[in-house]
Amino acid sequence: MKKLAGTLIAGTAAIAVLATGAANGDETQMPSIDGTTIVTRAAPPEGHPLSEVISGFEFRTKETQDLELDDFNNPGFLMVEQGEALWSTVEGSAGKSCESCHGDASESMKGVRASMPKWNEAAGKPMAMEQYVNACRTERMGADAWKWESDQMLGMTAYVGLQSRGMPVALDLKAGDMQSWWDKGKEIYYTRSGQLDLACASCHESNYGNYIRADHLSQGQSNGFPTYRLKWQKMGSLHRRLKGCMADVRAEPYDVGSDEFVALETYLAWRGTGLSVETPAVRN
């Protein structure tokens, strides 16, 4: 534990550089992809614990940033292309595809990723995008549900997410009982767990910008998911990343799609209010 703390403290200068650059930034200095401005630094919503909201993009090397900013070189687009093909693929007993009901994804799915998780009245709780996809498949298409981390699910969520790229993250916490799920997510975020006795906040609030091993800690924002991680050599969901974090602190991870992770995803999304959707982002 002392070694971990020392590693975190050793990067104090790095956070000062990042914070200074962010504070002095304006929209004209923000990155862009094919003419779409990507807001990577934003003013926090009321009640936010941080003075500025910063995307994980800002904590990556220029080489990694360049991969995200070039759709031709962005490795996540292999999954986007798969999702685009699946959009019009007819499956299930109803003889339908996603396109059958939703039409042109560039129109019908615009803004969807920016508002997730979203309250679902029928379920009586918020649902992540993966859960909405499977609800459509099983209830409307008569098709089998996809596994959370399958190529099909990652491709579809990446394709749908792309339609919101550049749009600001903005949850509707007034819908249904969203506020209580936000409260639960916040509780999980600040609860220490595992053998290392660390909470999400221990790294991503108290030590963002500092070094841990050979990498910078980010604020842990979720605006780029599903994300292509160089470490994974493939795309992965936010819930996979959350499981990895819990395993890293030697805690028993929650299941993907669990109420705990959906609540945490709700709180994380709120913490990134105002940041652009970057799907598919590229991270280390």
C-alpha atoms as a PDB file:
ATOM      1  CA  MET A   1       0.000   0.000   0.000  1.00  0.00           C
ATOM      2  CA  LYS A   2       2.891   2.367   0.803  1.00  0.00           C
ATOM      3  CA  LYS A   3       4.423   1.583  -2.583  1.00  0.00           C
ATOM      4  CA  LEU A   4       1.139   2.410  -4.347  1.00  0.00           C
ATOM      5  CA  ALA A   5       0.775   5.673  -2.459  1.00  0.00           C
ATOM      6  CA  GLY A   6       4.333   6.632  -3.309  1.00  0.00           C
ATOM      7  CA  THR A   7       3.728   5.928  -6.992  1.00  0.00           C
ATOM      8  CA  LEU A   8       0.660   8.162  -6.980  1.00  0.00           C
ATOM      9  CA  ILE A   9       2.368  11.014  -5.173  1.00  0.00           C
ATOM     10  CA  ALA A  10       5.340  10.877  -7.543  1.00  0.00           C
ATOM     11  CA  GLY A  11       3.229  12.290 -10.367  1.00  0.00           C
ATOM     12  CA  THR A  12       2.107  15.470  -8.606  1.00  0.00           C
ATOM     13  CA  ALA A  13       3.838  17.684 -11.173  1.00  0.00           C
ATOM     14  CA  ALA A  14       1.962  15.980 -13.996  1.00  0.00           C
ATOM     15  CA  ILE A  15      -1.434  16.922 -12.633  1.00  0.00           C
ATOM     16  CA  ALA A  16      -0.350  20.555 -12.358  1.00  0.00           C
ATOM     17  CA  VAL A  17       0.587  20.609 -16.045  1.00  0.00           C
ATOM     18  CA  LEU A  18      -2.692  18.978 -17.081  1.00  0.00           C
ATOM     19  CA  ALA A  19      -4.810  21.215 -14.888  1.00  0.00           C
ATOM     20  CA  THR A  20      -3.083  24.372 -16.114  1.00  0.00           C
ATOM     21  CA  GLY A  21      -3.553  23.427 -19.765  1.00  0.00           C
ATOM     22  CA  ALA A  22      -7.194  22.576 -19.197  1.00  0.00           C
ATOM     23  CA  ALA A  23      -7.948  25.751 -17.290  1.00  0.00           C
ATOM     24  CA  ASN A  24      -6.445  27.898 -20.022  1.00  0.00           C
ATOM     25  CA  GLY A  25      -8.193  26.035 -22.838  1.00  0.00           C
ATOM     26  CA  ASP A  26     -11.171  27.162 -24.879  1.00  0.00           C
ATOM     27  CA  GLU A  27     -13.247  25.562 -27.619  1.00  0.00           C
ATOM     28  CA  THR A  28     -10.955  26.814 -30.374  1.00  0.00           C
ATOM     29  CA  GLN A  29      -8.176  24.709 -28.856  1.00  0.00           C
ATOM     30  CA  MET A  30     -10.301  21.562 -28.553  1.00  0.00           C
ATOM     31  CA  PRO A  31      -9.516  18.597 -30.829  1.00  0.00           C
ATOM     32  CA  SER A  32     -11.795  17.823 -33.759  1.00  0.00           C
ATOM     33  CA  ILE A  33     -12.634  14.814 -35.902  1.00  0.00           C
ATOM     34  CA  ASP A  34     -13.777  15.480 -39.466  1.00  0.00           C
ATOM     35  CA  GLY A  35     -14.844  18.960 -38.455  1.00  0.00           C
ATOM     36  CA  THR A  36     -16.692  17.864 -35.305  1.00  0.00           C
ATOM     37  CA  THR A  37     -15.326  19.568 -32.202  1.00  0.00           C
ATOM     38  CA  ILE A  38     -14.644  17.197 -29.325  1.00  0.00           C
ATOM     39  CA  VAL A  39     -15.027  18.935 -25.979  1.00  0.00           C
ATOM     40  CA  THR A  40     -12.447  17.346 -23.698  1.00  0.00           C
ATOM     41  CA  ARG A  41     -12.617  19.938 -20.898  1.00  0.00           C
ATOM     42  CA  ALA A  42     -15.839  21.316 -19.474  1.00  0.00           C
ATOM     43  CA  ALA A  43     -17.220  23.275 -16.555  1.00  0.00           C
ATOM     44  CA  PRO A  44     -18.719  20.895 -13.964  1.00  0.00           C
ATOM     45  CA  PRO A  45     -22.432  20.755 -13.164  1.00  0.00           C
ATOM     46  CA  GLU A  46     -23.662  22.160  -9.861  1.00  0.00           C
ATOM     47  CA  GLY A  47     -22.566  20.054  -6.911  1.00  0.00           C
ATOM     48  CA  HIS A  48     -19.693  18.395  -8.772  1.00  0.00           C
ATOM     49  CA  PRO A  49     -16.656  17.666  -6.559  1.00  0.00           C
ATOM     50  CA  LEU A  50     -14.134  18.788  -9.194  1.00  0.00           C
ATOM     51  CA  SER A  51     -13.410  22.278 -10.490  1.00  0.00           C
ATOM     52  CA  GLU A  52     -13.149  21.048 -14.079  1.00  0.00           C
ATOM     53  CA  VAL A  53     -14.298  17.951 -15.935  1.00  0.00           C
ATOM     54  CA  ILE A  54     -11.524  16.466 -18.090  1.00  0.00           C
ATOM     55  CA  SER A  55     -11.828  13.628 -20.593  1.00  0.00           C
ATOM     56  CA  GLY A  56      -9.449  10.700 -20.505  1.00  0.00           C
ATOM     57  CA  PHE A  57      -8.311  11.882 -23.940  1.00  0.00           C
ATOM     58  CA  GLU A  58      -6.274  14.626 -22.246  1.00  0.00           C
ATOM     59  CA  PHE A  59      -4.266  12.104 -20.213  1.00  0.00           C
ATOM     60  CA  ARG A  60      -3.078  10.051 -23.181  1.00  0.00           C
ATOM     61  CA  THR A  61       0.055  10.404 -25.281  1.00  0.00           C
ATOM     62  CA  LYS A  62      -0.074  12.346 -28.543  1.00  0.00           C
ATOM     63  CA  GLU A  63       0.329   9.076 -30.444  1.00  0.00           C
ATOM     64  CA  THR A  64      -2.768   7.602 -28.784  1.00  0.00           C
ATOM     65  CA  GLN A  65      -4.712  10.829 -29.278  1.00  0.00           C
ATOM     66  CA  ASP A  66      -3.815  10.847 -32.968  1.00  0.00           C
ATOM     67  CA  LEU A  67      -5.271   7.355 -33.356  1.00  0.00           C
ATOM     68  CA  GLU A  68      -8.623   8.541 -32.017  1.00  0.00           C
ATOM     69  CA  LEU A  69      -8.657  11.674 -34.149  1.00  0.00           C
ATOM     70  CA  ASP A  70      -8.222   9.765 -37.431  1.00  0.00           C
ATOM     71  CA  ASP A  71     -11.161   7.533 -38.314  1.00  0.00           C
ATOM     72  CA  PHE A  72      -9.055   5.675 -40.879  1.00  0.00           C
ATOM     73  CA  ASN A  73      -6.452   4.697 -38.270  1.00  0.00           C
ATOM     74  CA  ASN A  74      -8.761   4.370 -35.264  1.00  0.00           C
ATOM     75  CA  PRO A  75      -8.818   0.592 -34.585  1.00  0.00           C
ATOM     76  CA  GLY A  76     -12.260   0.914 -33.000  1.00  0.00           C
ATOM     77  CA  PHE A  77     -13.785   1.472 -36.417  1.00  0.00           C
ATOM     78  CA  LEU A  78     -13.459  -2.212 -37.226  1.00  0.00           C
ATOM     79  CA  MET A  79     -16.193  -2.782 -34.642  1.00  0.00           C
ATOM     80  CA  VAL A  80     -18.179   0.239 -35.837  1.00  0.00           C
ATOM     81  CA  GLU A  81     -18.274  -1.281 -39.322  1.00  0.00           C
ATOM     82  CA  GLN A  82     -19.511  -4.563 -37.873  1.00  0.00           C
ATOM     83  CA  GLY A  83     -22.247  -2.723 -36.003  1.00  0.00           C
ATOM     84  CA  GLU A  84     -23.270  -0.883 -39.153  1.00  0.00           C
ATOM     85  CA  ALA A  85     -23.681  -4.206 -40.969  1.00  0.00           C
ATOM     86  CA  LEU A  86     -25.685  -5.673 -38.082  1.00  0.00           C
ATOM     87  CA  TRP A  87     -28.009  -2.635 -38.064  1.00  0.00           C
ATOM     88  CA  SER A  88     -29.678  -3.804 -41.269  1.00  0.00           C
ATOM     89  CA  THR A  89     -29.362  -7.558 -40.676  1.00  0.00           C
ATOM     90  CA  VAL A  90     -32.717  -9.314 -40.273  1.00  0.00           C
ATOM     91  CA  GLU A  91     -32.794 -11.734 -37.335  1.00  0.00           C
ATOM     92  CA  GLY A  92     -35.348 -13.477 -35.143  1.00  0.00           C
ATOM     93  CA  SER A  93     -38.878 -14.786 -35.480  1.00  0.00           C
ATOM     94  CA  ALA A  94     -40.333 -11.332 -36.212  1.00  0.00           C
ATOM     95  CA  GLY A  95     -38.254 -11.012 -39.366  1.00  0.00           C
ATOM     96  CA  LYS A  96     -36.928  -7.590 -38.397  1.00  0.00           C
ATOM     97  CA  SER A  97     -33.657  -5.725 -38.184  1.00  0.00           C
ATOM     98  CA  CYS A  98     -32.787  -2.660 -36.111  1.00  0.00           C
ATOM     99  CA  GLU A  99     -33.369  -0.631 -39.258  1.00  0.00           C
ATOM    100  CA  SER A 100     -36.887  -2.010 -39.627  1.00  0.00           C
ATOM    101  CA  CYS A 101     -38.058  -0.013 -36.597  1.00  0.00           C
ATOM    102  CA  HIS A 102     -35.454   2.719 -36.218  1.00  0.00           C
ATOM    103  CA  GLY A 103     -34.658   3.570 -39.830  1.00  0.00           C
ATOM    104  CA  ASP A 104     -31.531   5.613 -40.484  1.00  0.00           C
ATOM    105  CA  ALA A 105     -29.288   5.333 -37.411  1.00  0.00           C
ATOM    106  CA  SER A 106     -27.685   8.701 -38.110  1.00  0.00           C
ATOM    107  CA  GLU A 107     -31.058  10.276 -37.397  1.00  0.00           C
ATOM    108  CA  SER A 108     -32.828   7.949 -34.936  1.00  0.00           C
ATOM    109  CA  MET A 109     -29.805   7.219 -32.751  1.00  0.00           C
ATOM    110  CA  LYS A 110     -28.424  10.743 -32.616  1.00  0.00           C
ATOM    111  CA  GLY A 111     -28.097  11.745 -28.964  1.00  0.00           C
ATOM    112  CA  VAL A 112     -28.875   8.290 -27.579  1.00  0.00           C
ATOM    113  CA  ARG A 113     -25.396   7.564 -26.248  1.00  0.00           C
ATOM    114  CA  ALA A 114     -25.172  11.028 -24.703  1.00  0.00           C
ATOM    115  CA  SER A 115     -28.137  10.317 -22.412  1.00  0.00           C
ATOM    116  CA  MET A 116     -27.256   6.809 -21.206  1.00  0.00           C
ATOM    117  CA  PRO A 117     -28.075   5.185 -18.837  1.00  0.00           C
ATOM    118  CA  LYS A 118     -31.705   6.158 -19.400  1.00  0.00           C
ATOM    119  CA  TRP A 119     -34.789   5.537 -17.306  1.00  0.00           C
ATOM    120  CA  ASN A 120     -36.977   2.695 -18.594  1.00  0.00           C
ATOM    121  CA  GLU A 121     -40.522   2.888 -17.298  1.00  0.00           C
ATOM    122  CA  ALA A 122     -41.402  -0.731 -18.087  1.00  0.00           C
ATOM    123  CA  ALA A 123     -38.367  -2.070 -16.242  1.00  0.00           C
ATOM    124  CA  GLY A 124     -38.774   0.419 -13.403  1.00  0.00           C
ATOM    125  CA  LYS A 125     -35.086   1.302 -13.471  1.00  0.00           C
ATOM    126  CA  PRO A 126     -32.422   2.874 -15.674  1.00  0.00           C
ATOM    127  CA  MET A 127     -30.942   0.706 -18.379  1.00  0.00           C
ATOM    128  CA  ALA A 128     -27.542   0.811 -20.044  1.00  0.00           C
ATOM    129  CA  MET A 129     -27.323   0.813 -23.820  1.00  0.00           C
ATOM    130  CA  GLU A 130     -26.445  -2.884 -23.900  1.00  0.00           C
ATOM    131  CA  GLN A 131     -29.659  -3.638 -22.039  1.00  0.00           C
ATOM    132  CA  TYR A 132     -31.726  -1.575 -24.470  1.00  0.00           C
ATOM    133  CA  VAL A 133     -30.146  -3.421 -27.395  1.00  0.00           C
ATOM    134  CA  ASN A 134     -31.012  -6.813 -25.917  1.00  0.00           C
ATOM    135  CA  ALA A 135     -34.532  -5.691 -24.993  1.00  0.00           C
ATOM    136  CA  CYS A 136     -35.121  -4.800 -28.642  1.00  0.00           C
ATOM    137  CA  ARG A 137     -33.693  -8.110 -29.796  1.00  0.00           C
ATOM    138  CA  THR A 138     -35.693 -10.341 -27.459  1.00  0.00           C
ATOM    139  CA  GLU A 139     -38.964  -8.373 -27.214  1.00  0.00           C
ATOM    140  CA  ARG A 140     -39.321  -6.910 -30.708  1.00  0.00           C
ATOM    141  CA  MET A 141     -37.199  -9.005 -33.037  1.00  0.00           C
ATOM    142  CA  GLY A 142     -37.710 -12.398 -31.414  1.00  0.00           C
ATOM    143  CA  ALA A 143     -33.939 -12.883 -31.554  1.00  0.00           C
ATOM    144  CA  ASP A 144     -31.479 -14.179 -28.989  1.00  0.00           C
ATOM    145  CA  ALA A 145     -29.832 -11.709 -26.624  1.00  0.00           C
ATOM    146  CA  TRP A 146     -26.190 -10.925 -27.249  1.00  0.00           C
ATOM    147  CA  LYS A 147     -23.571 -11.465 -24.582  1.00  0.00           C
ATOM    148  CA  TRP A 148     -22.431  -8.213 -23.008  1.00  0.00           C
ATOM    149  CA  GLU A 149     -18.857  -8.377 -24.293  1.00  0.00           C
ATOM    150  CA  SER A 150     -19.556 -10.122 -27.597  1.00  0.00           C
ATOM    151  CA  ASP A 151     -18.296  -8.650 -30.853  1.00  0.00           C
ATOM    152  CA  GLN A 152     -21.906  -8.172 -31.937  1.00  0.00           C
ATOM    153  CA  MET A 153     -22.803  -6.122 -28.856  1.00  0.00           C
ATOM    154  CA  LEU A 154     -19.609  -4.096 -28.939  1.00  0.00           C
ATOM    155  CA  GLY A 155     -20.067  -3.438 -32.638  1.00  0.00           C
ATOM    156  CA  MET A 156     -23.659  -2.312 -32.208  1.00  0.00           C
ATOM    157  CA  THR A 157     -23.010  -0.077 -29.186  1.00  0.00           C
ATOM    158  CA  ALA A 158     -19.996   1.444 -30.947  1.00  0.00           C
ATOM    159  CA  TYR A 159     -22.063   2.142 -34.074  1.00  0.00           C
ATOM    160  CA  VAL A 160     -24.935   3.631 -32.097  1.00  0.00           C
ATOM    161  CA  GLY A 161     -22.515   5.596 -29.930  1.00  0.00           C
ATOM    162  CA  LEU A 162     -20.814   7.064 -32.989  1.00  0.00           C
ATOM    163  CA  GLN A 163     -24.069   8.780 -33.970  1.00  0.00           C
ATOM    164  CA  SER A 164     -23.704  10.979 -30.862  1.00  0.00           C
ATOM    165  CA  ARG A 165     -20.029  11.800 -31.311  1.00  0.00           C
ATOM    166  CA  GLY A 166     -19.361  15.420 -30.386  1.00  0.00           C
ATOM    167  CA  MET A 167     -22.623  15.780 -28.463  1.00  0.00           C
ATOM    168  CA  PRO A 168     -22.402  16.659 -24.743  1.00  0.00           C
ATOM    169  CA  VAL A 169     -23.104  14.026 -22.123  1.00  0.00           C
ATOM    170  CA  ALA A 170     -26.368  14.993 -20.402  1.00  0.00           C
ATOM    171  CA  LEU A 171     -28.390  12.663 -18.177  1.00  0.00           C
ATOM    172  CA  ASP A 172     -32.022  13.241 -17.262  1.00  0.00           C
ATOM    173  CA  LEU A 173     -31.914  12.722 -13.510  1.00  0.00           C
ATOM    174  CA  LYS A 174     -35.522  13.889 -13.160  1.00  0.00           C
ATOM    175  CA  ALA A 175     -36.933  10.915 -15.062  1.00  0.00           C
ATOM    176  CA  GLY A 176     -38.515   8.189 -12.967  1.00  0.00           C
ATOM    177  CA  ASP A 177     -36.403   7.290  -9.952  1.00  0.00           C
ATOM    178  CA  MET A 178     -33.067   8.160 -11.579  1.00  0.00           C
ATOM    179  CA  GLN A 179     -31.987  10.224  -8.589  1.00  0.00           C
ATOM    180  CA  SER A 180     -31.948   7.248  -6.234  1.00  0.00           C
ATOM    181  CA  TRP A 181     -29.805   5.305  -8.706  1.00  0.00           C
ATOM    182  CA  TRP A 182     -27.445   8.289  -8.904  1.00  0.00           C
ATOM    183  CA  ASP A 183     -27.297   8.248  -5.097  1.00  0.00           C
ATOM    184  CA  LYS A 184     -26.454   4.538  -5.103  1.00  0.00           C
ATOM    185  CA  GLY A 185     -23.796   5.047  -7.761  1.00  0.00           C
ATOM    186  CA  LYS A 186     -22.241   7.838  -5.735  1.00  0.00           C
ATOM    187  CA  GLU A 187     -22.155   5.619  -2.655  1.00  0.00           C
ATOM    188  CA  ILE A 188     -20.341   2.900  -4.610  1.00  0.00           C
ATOM    189  CA  TYR A 189     -17.911   5.458  -6.063  1.00  0.00           C
ATOM    190  CA  TYR A 190     -16.756   6.586  -2.635  1.00  0.00           C
ATOM    191  CA  THR A 191     -16.825   3.205  -0.865  1.00  0.00           C
ATOM    192  CA  ARG A 192     -13.418   1.667  -0.246  1.00  0.00           C
ATOM    193  CA  SER A 193     -13.175  -2.027  -1.102  1.00  0.00           C
ATOM    194  CA  GLY A 194     -10.764  -4.860  -1.724  1.00  0.00           C
ATOM    195  CA  GLN A 195      -7.498  -5.777  -0.094  1.00  0.00           C
ATOM    196  CA  LEU A 196      -5.993  -2.435  -1.183  1.00  0.00           C
ATOM    197  CA  ASP A 197      -8.841  -0.569   0.557  1.00  0.00           C
ATOM    198  CA  LEU A 198      -9.364   1.859  -2.328  1.00  0.00           C
ATOM    199  CA  ALA A 199     -12.453   3.552  -3.761  1.00  0.00           C
ATOM    200  CA  CYS A 200     -12.973   4.863  -7.301  1.00  0.00           C
ATOM    201  CA  ALA A 201     -12.390   8.328  -5.854  1.00  0.00           C
ATOM    202  CA  SER A 202      -9.013   7.305  -4.408  1.00  0.00           C
ATOM    203  CA  CYS A 203      -7.521   7.228  -7.894  1.00  0.00           C
ATOM    204  CA  HIS A 204      -9.823   9.203 -10.172  1.00  0.00           C
ATOM    205  CA  GLU A 205     -10.665  12.123  -7.897  1.00  0.00           C
ATOM    206  CA  SER A 206      -7.805  12.457  -5.420  1.00  0.00           C
ATOM    207  CA  ASN A 207      -4.958  11.422  -7.726  1.00  0.00           C
ATOM    208  CA  TYR A 208      -5.920  12.017 -11.350  1.00  0.00           C
ATOM    209  CA  GLY A 209      -2.944  13.174 -13.384  1.00  0.00           C
ATOM    210  CA  ASN A 210      -0.513  11.352 -11.118  1.00  0.00           C
ATOM    211  CA  TYR A 211       1.468   8.363 -12.268  1.00  0.00           C
ATOM    212  CA  ILE A 212       0.486   4.833 -11.363  1.00  0.00           C
ATOM    213  CA  ARG A 213       3.084   2.426 -12.685  1.00  0.00           C
ATOM    214  CA  ALA A 214       3.979   3.901 -16.103  1.00  0.00           C
ATOM    215  CA  ASP A 215       0.671   5.593 -16.876  1.00  0.00           C
ATOM    216  CA  HIS A 216      -1.292   8.658 -15.837  1.00  0.00           C
ATOM    217  CA  LEU A 217      -4.484   8.256 -13.859  1.00  0.00           C
ATOM    218  CA  SER A 218      -7.425   9.980 -15.518  1.00  0.00           C
ATOM    219  CA  GLN A 219     -10.642  11.236 -13.974  1.00  0.00           C
ATOM    220  CA  GLY A 220     -12.221   7.945 -15.025  1.00  0.00           C
ATOM    221  CA  GLN A 221     -14.761   9.550 -17.351  1.00  0.00           C
ATOM    222  CA  SER A 222     -17.081   7.276 -19.338  1.00  0.00           C
ATOM    223  CA  ASN A 223     -17.754   9.457 -22.398  1.00  0.00           C
ATOM    224  CA  GLY A 224     -15.659   7.354 -24.788  1.00  0.00           C
ATOM    225  CA  PHE A 225     -17.163   3.911 -24.215  1.00  0.00           C
ATOM    226  CA  PRO A 226     -17.205   1.424 -25.737  1.00  0.00           C
ATOM    227  CA  THR A 227     -13.497   2.135 -26.030  1.00  0.00           C
ATOM    228  CA  TYR A 228     -10.637   0.538 -27.901  1.00  0.00           C
ATOM    229  CA  ARG A 229      -7.915  -0.127 -25.314  1.00  0.00           C
ATOM    230  CA  LEU A 230      -4.407  -0.736 -26.566  1.00  0.00           C
ATOM    231  CA  LYS A 231      -3.850  -2.939 -23.525  1.00  0.00           C
ATOM    232  CA  TRP A 232      -6.753  -5.184 -24.555  1.00  0.00           C
ATOM    233  CA  GLN A 233      -5.966  -4.989 -28.284  1.00  0.00           C
ATOM    234  CA  LYS A 234      -9.716  -4.752 -28.839  1.00  0.00           C
ATOM    235  CA  MET A 235     -12.793  -2.795 -27.916  1.00  0.00           C
ATOM    236  CA  GLY A 236     -14.424  -3.208 -24.525  1.00  0.00           C
ATOM    237  CA  SER A 237     -17.436  -1.964 -22.601  1.00  0.00           C
ATOM    238  CA  LEU A 238     -17.475   0.340 -19.601  1.00  0.00           C
ATOM    239  CA  HIS A 239     -18.584  -2.527 -17.368  1.00  0.00           C
ATOM    240  CA  ARG A 240     -15.550  -4.560 -18.419  1.00  0.00           C
ATOM    241  CA  ARG A 241     -13.374  -1.630 -17.372  1.00  0.00           C
ATOM    242  CA  LEU A 242     -15.191  -1.348 -14.042  1.00  0.00           C
ATOM    243  CA  LYS A 243     -14.662  -5.060 -13.394  1.00  0.00           C
ATOM    244  CA  GLY A 244     -10.974  -4.576 -14.134  1.00  0.00           C
ATOM    245  CA  CYS A 245     -10.718  -1.699 -11.675  1.00  0.00           C
ATOM    246  CA  MET A 246     -12.338  -3.759  -8.941  1.00  0.00           C
ATOM    247  CA  ALA A 247     -10.029  -6.672  -9.663  1.00  0.00           C
ATOM    248  CA  ASP A 248      -7.031  -4.313  -9.536  1.00  0.00           C
ATOM    249  CA  VAL A 249      -7.867  -3.333  -5.951  1.00  0.00           C
ATOM    250  CA  ARG A 250      -8.423  -7.040  -5.195  1.00  0.00           C
ATOM    251  CA  ALA A 251     -12.161  -6.710  -4.648  1.00  0.00           C
ATOM    252  CA  GLU A 252     -14.864  -9.097  -5.824  1.00  0.00           C
ATOM    253  CA  PRO A 253     -16.219  -7.433  -8.997  1.00  0.00           C
ATOM    254  CA  TYR A 254     -19.924  -6.988  -9.670  1.00  0.00           C
ATOM    255  CA  ASP A 255     -21.349  -8.682 -12.757  1.00  0.00           C
ATOM    256  CA  VAL A 256     -21.650  -6.785 -16.032  1.00  0.00           C
ATOM    257  CA  GLY A 257     -25.181  -5.456 -16.292  1.00  0.00           C
ATOM    258  CA  SER A 258     -25.718  -5.675 -12.531  1.00  0.00           C
ATOM    259  CA  ASP A 259     -27.760  -3.027 -10.757  1.00  0.00           C
ATOM    260  CA  GLU A 260     -24.577  -1.953  -8.968  1.00  0.00           C
ATOM    261  CA  PHE A 261     -22.707  -1.278 -12.200  1.00  0.00           C
ATOM    262  CA  VAL A 262     -25.694   0.440 -13.823  1.00  0.00           C
ATOM    263  CA  ALA A 263     -25.957   2.705 -10.771  1.00  0.00           C
ATOM    264  CA  LEU A 264     -22.225   3.408 -10.917  1.00  0.00           C
ATOM    265  CA  GLU A 265     -22.470   4.060 -14.658  1.00  0.00           C
ATOM    266  CA  THR A 266     -25.249   6.560 -13.944  1.00  0.00           C
ATOM    267  CA  TYR A 267     -23.093   8.460 -11.470  1.00  0.00           C
ATOM    268  CA  LEU A 268     -20.032   8.313 -13.731  1.00  0.00           C
ATOM    269  CA  ALA A 269     -21.989   9.676 -16.680  1.00  0.00           C
ATOM    270  CA  TRP A 270     -23.140  12.608 -14.547  1.00  0.00           C
ATOM    271  CA  ARG A 271     -19.556  13.292 -13.489  1.00  0.00           C
ATOM    272  CA  GLY A 272     -18.742  13.713 -17.194  1.00  0.00           C
ATOM    273  CA  THR A 273     -21.582  16.135 -17.929  1.00  0.00           C
ATOM    274  CA  GLY A 274     -20.630  18.484 -20.759  1.00  0.00           C
ATOM    275  CA  LEU A 275     -17.872  16.335 -22.224  1.00  0.00           C
ATOM    276  CA  SER A 276     -18.361  15.205 -25.807  1.00  0.00           C
ATOM    277  CA  VAL A 277     -19.239  11.633 -26.617  1.00  0.00           C
ATOM    278  CA  GLU A 278     -16.013  10.266 -28.157  1.00  0.00           C
ATOM    279  CA  THR A 279     -17.170   6.796 -29.169  1.00  0.00           C
ATOM    280  CA  PRO A 280     -15.104   5.023 -30.282  1.00  0.00           C
ATOM    281  CA  ALA A 281     -12.378   6.481 -28.076  1.00  0.00           C
ATOM    282  CA  VAL A 282      -8.855   5.066 -27.969  1.00  0.00           C
ATOM    283  CA  ARG A 283      -7.168   4.613 -24.617  1.00  0.00           C
ATOM    284  CA  ASN A 284      -4.049   2.867 -23.274  1.00  0.00           C
END
